[in-house]
Each structure stands twice: as structure tokens, then as C-alpha cells.
């Protein structure tokens, strides 16, 4: 279990019950991207993105997704390193976890793309966005004996990158962002 105290498989079951091809990782990435740009969004807004406004989410699924939404918002707000990516458990095959990490990044970038047209990203932020785009295209079958270590490093990089981008987006919204002179 991750620091969100919500299992990947529970969220996967909830999103798959809606007849969608979105995975739990992609759904969580989307949520994080949306929250980076607008910490005032509602769970309903996120769910509309995921399922469209025609789909009715069942009570059990809604409860799981609400819990994920609230925990994610709280962990992003705390800035105490409690934020974590919702990815498959460690016992899952490395190729599946790597694929989920790529899906998470795709979802995150989609969430950022929703409203990021007004943000002027710093050179560091732009570089992070490029890195996340590359990770979203990660080949899950390209692993070697150091695959576990590389996966852990990439997941940690993404986790920290999200927090950096969120801080930058908040600074930009507050008007206090000053681009680097170099």
C-alpha cells in the first residue's frame, strides 16, 4: 500500500467499472495534473474528465474515488513528502509497474494541458515537462538487471517533479514567478 492508504487495485476496479479504458495510474496522474493548476477543483470535475458527465458512478466506486481525491489533495498541500504516485504494488511485475508509470505521466500531462496555456514555465519546469513526456512513452518491456533500481529512481523523480511543477504553477498564478535570467 502507498502513502495514500488506497490500493491501486481498488481504484483500478472503480475506474474499470465505468467501462473506460483509463487505468488507475492514468486517473491519478490526471487528478494530480488538475490539482497542480487548480487546487480548487472538485472531485466531480475530475470524474467528468474521466467518465464524461453522462456516466453515473456507483456508490462504492464513488467512495473509493472520493477518498483518493481527498487524500491526493491533502498530500499535495502538505509539502511534507507524503505525496506519492498511485502505482501498482511492488509484487506486481516490473513491466506492469513501468507501464503504469508511463500511464501516470500521460494522465498528469493531460491534466496540466487542460489549463496550463496561461502558465509561463521556467526552463527547469519546461525540462521537467519534457522528461515526463519521455517517461510517458517508456517501453515497459525494456528492462535489464538494474530495472528495479531504474524504476524506483524514475518513480521518485516523477514524484518530486510533480511537487516542483505545482509550486511553480502556484507561484505563476500568484504573480511572483520570475523567470531565471539564464
Protein backbone atom coordinates (compact mmCIF):
# COMPACT_ATOMS: atom_id res chain seq x y z
CA UNK A 1 0.00 0.00 0.00
CA UNK A 2 1.21 3.52 -0.74
CA UNK A 3 1.11 6.64 1.43
CA UNK A 4 -2.37 7.40 0.07
CA UNK A 5 -3.69 4.38 2.02
CA UNK A 6 -5.74 3.43 -1.02
CA UNK A 7 -4.80 0.39 -3.04
CA UNK A 8 -4.11 0.59 -6.73
CA UNK A 9 -6.34 -2.42 -7.36
CA UNK A 10 -9.31 -0.80 -5.57
CA UNK A 11 -9.00 2.31 -7.71
CA UNK A 12 -8.43 0.18 -10.82
CA UNK A 13 -11.68 -1.68 -10.08
CA UNK A 14 -13.51 1.61 -9.58
CA UNK A 15 -12.38 3.16 -12.88
CA UNK A 16 -12.82 -0.05 -14.86
CA UNK A 17 -16.40 -0.38 -13.59
CA UNK A 18 -17.22 2.67 -15.69
CA UNK A 19 -16.47 0.90 -18.99
CA UNK A 20 -13.48 3.10 -19.64
CA UNK A 21 -10.00 2.26 -20.84
CA UNK A 22 -8.44 4.63 -18.31
CA UNK A 23 -6.25 2.94 -15.72
CA UNK A 24 -5.95 3.83 -12.05
CA UNK A 25 -2.46 5.24 -12.71
CA UNK A 26 -3.68 7.44 -15.55
CA UNK A 27 -6.68 8.60 -13.50
CA UNK A 28 -4.44 9.57 -10.57
CA UNK A 29 -1.98 11.32 -12.88
CA UNK A 30 -4.86 13.31 -14.38
CA UNK A 31 -6.05 14.27 -10.92
CA UNK A 32 -2.57 15.43 -9.91
CA UNK A 33 -2.20 17.47 -13.09
CA UNK A 34 -5.54 19.16 -12.49
CA UNK A 35 -4.68 19.86 -8.84
CA UNK A 36 -1.30 21.32 -9.79
CA UNK A 37 -3.04 24.01 -11.76
CA UNK A 38 -6.20 24.47 -9.72
CA UNK A 39 -6.32 23.26 -6.15
CA UNK A 40 -9.94 24.39 -6.03
CA UNK A 41 -11.26 21.80 -8.49
CA UNK A 42 -13.94 19.44 -7.26
CA UNK A 43 -14.00 15.68 -7.36
CA UNK A 44 -16.93 15.98 -9.78
CA UNK A 45 -14.77 17.94 -12.22
CA UNK A 46 -12.14 15.20 -12.14
CA UNK A 47 -14.76 12.48 -12.57
CA UNK A 48 -16.29 14.36 -15.51
CA UNK A 49 -12.87 14.33 -17.14
CA UNK A 50 -12.55 10.62 -16.55
CA UNK A 51 -16.01 9.41 -17.42
CA UNK A 52 -17.88 12.28 -19.06
CA UNK A 53 -20.90 13.79 -17.42
CA UNK A 54 -23.30 11.12 -18.70
CA UNK A 55 -21.90 8.28 -16.61
CA UNK A 56 -23.25 7.65 -13.14
CA UNK A 57 -20.58 6.39 -10.76
CA UNK A 58 -21.79 3.72 -8.34
CA UNK A 59 -21.73 4.38 -4.60
CA UNK A 60 -18.84 2.01 -3.83
CA UNK A 61 -16.75 3.33 -6.70
CA UNK A 62 -17.59 6.93 -5.80
CA UNK A 63 -16.49 6.33 -2.22
CA UNK A 64 -13.09 4.99 -3.37
CA UNK A 65 -12.57 7.80 -5.87
CA UNK A 66 -13.64 10.47 -3.36
CA UNK A 67 -11.14 9.04 -0.86
CA UNK A 68 -8.38 9.13 -3.48
CA UNK A 69 -9.29 12.69 -4.45
CA UNK A 70 -9.25 13.95 -0.85
CA UNK A 71 -6.06 12.10 0.11
CA UNK A 72 -4.26 13.32 -3.00
CA UNK A 73 -5.26 16.94 -2.42
CA UNK A 74 -4.22 16.71 1.22
CA UNK A 75 -0.83 15.14 0.46
CA UNK A 76 -0.08 17.68 -2.27
CA UNK A 77 -0.99 20.54 0.10
CA UNK A 78 1.13 19.31 2.99
CA UNK A 79 4.56 19.66 1.32
CA UNK A 80 5.90 17.08 3.78
CA UNK A 81 6.93 14.39 1.30
CA UNK A 82 3.74 12.42 1.99
CA UNK A 83 2.60 12.79 -1.62
CA UNK A 84 3.00 9.58 -3.60
CA UNK A 85 2.05 8.29 -7.03
CA UNK A 86 -0.73 5.72 -7.23
CA UNK A 87 1.03 2.81 -8.91
CA UNK A 88 0.71 -0.98 -8.74
CA UNK A 89 2.08 -2.68 -5.65
CA UNK A 90 5.70 -3.85 -5.55
CA UNK A 91 4.71 -7.50 -6.01
CA UNK A 92 3.41 -6.65 -9.49
CA UNK A 93 5.69 -7.48 -12.40
CA UNK A 94 8.19 -4.74 -13.23
CA UNK A 95 6.86 -4.43 -16.79
CA UNK A 96 3.34 -3.71 -15.48
CA UNK A 97 4.63 -1.15 -12.98
CA UNK A 98 6.73 0.54 -15.67
CA UNK A 99 3.71 0.66 -17.98
CA UNK A 100 1.63 2.18 -15.17
CA UNK A 101 4.31 4.82 -14.53
CA UNK A 102 4.13 5.83 -18.19
CA UNK A 103 0.32 5.95 -17.98
CA UNK A 104 0.56 8.05 -14.81
CA UNK A 105 2.75 10.58 -16.63
CA UNK A 106 0.35 10.65 -19.61
CA UNK A 107 -2.55 11.38 -17.30
CA UNK A 108 -0.58 14.05 -15.47
CA UNK A 109 0.38 15.81 -18.69
CA UNK A 110 -3.26 15.67 -19.85
CA UNK A 111 -4.35 17.27 -16.57
CA UNK A 112 -1.75 20.01 -16.93
CA UNK A 113 -2.72 20.55 -20.55
CA UNK A 114 -6.27 21.35 -19.53
CA UNK A 115 -5.45 24.82 -18.21
CA UNK A 116 -1.71 25.36 -18.47
CA UNK A 117 -1.82 27.64 -21.52
CA UNK A 118 -1.54 30.68 -19.26
CA UNK A 119 1.48 29.46 -17.30
CA UNK A 120 4.96 30.52 -18.29
CA UNK A 121 7.10 27.60 -17.20
CA UNK A 122 10.69 28.22 -16.14
CA UNK A 123 13.47 26.49 -18.08
CA UNK A 124 13.59 23.93 -15.26
CA UNK A 125 9.82 23.40 -15.46
CA UNK A 126 9.98 23.03 -19.23
CA UNK A 127 12.74 20.46 -18.84
CA UNK A 128 10.68 18.51 -16.30
CA UNK A 129 7.70 18.52 -18.66
CA UNK A 130 9.92 17.13 -21.43
CA UNK A 131 11.19 14.44 -19.08
CA UNK A 132 7.65 13.47 -18.10
CA UNK A 133 6.71 13.28 -21.75
CA UNK A 134 9.62 10.90 -22.34
CA UNK A 135 8.65 8.78 -19.33
CA UNK A 136 5.08 8.59 -20.64
CA UNK A 137 6.49 6.76 -23.66
CA UNK A 138 8.53 4.36 -21.53
CA UNK A 139 8.89 0.90 -23.03
CA UNK A 140 7.79 -1.38 -20.18
CA UNK A 141 9.45 -4.41 -21.74
CA UNK A 142 12.89 -2.82 -21.95
CA UNK A 143 14.27 -3.93 -18.63
CA UNK A 144 17.64 -5.21 -17.56
CA UNK A 145 19.10 -6.48 -14.32
CA UNK A 146 19.05 -2.95 -12.95
CA UNK A 147 15.41 -2.43 -13.91
CA UNK A 148 14.06 -2.30 -10.34
CA UNK A 149 16.55 0.38 -9.38
CA UNK A 150 15.88 2.40 -12.53
CA UNK A 151 12.11 2.12 -11.99
CA UNK A 152 12.44 3.32 -8.38
CA UNK A 153 14.57 6.28 -9.48
CA UNK A 154 12.10 7.25 -12.21
CA UNK A 155 9.11 7.00 -9.87
CA UNK A 156 10.90 9.15 -7.28
CA UNK A 157 11.86 11.68 -9.96
CA UNK A 158 8.24 11.93 -11.09
CA UNK A 159 7.01 12.32 -7.50
CA UNK A 160 9.40 15.21 -6.82
CA UNK A 161 8.82 16.73 -10.27
CA UNK A 162 5.08 16.97 -9.60
CA UNK A 163 5.72 18.89 -6.42
CA UNK A 164 8.14 21.23 -8.18
CA UNK A 165 5.69 21.90 -11.02
CA UNK A 166 2.87 22.51 -8.57
CA UNK A 167 4.99 25.03 -6.67
CA UNK A 168 5.91 26.75 -9.92
CA UNK A 169 2.29 26.85 -11.11
CA UNK A 170 1.18 28.32 -7.79
CA UNK A 171 3.92 30.96 -7.98
CA UNK A 172 2.91 31.82 -11.53
CA UNK A 173 -0.76 32.21 -10.50
CA UNK A 174 0.28 34.45 -7.63
CA UNK A 175 2.31 36.61 -10.00
CA UNK A 176 5.51 36.04 -8.06
CA UNK A 177 7.27 33.89 -10.62
CA UNK A 178 10.42 35.46 -12.02
CA UNK A 179 11.99 33.59 -14.91
CA UNK A 180 15.61 32.69 -14.49
CA UNK A 181 17.94 35.16 -16.24
CA UNK A 182 19.89 32.35 -17.94
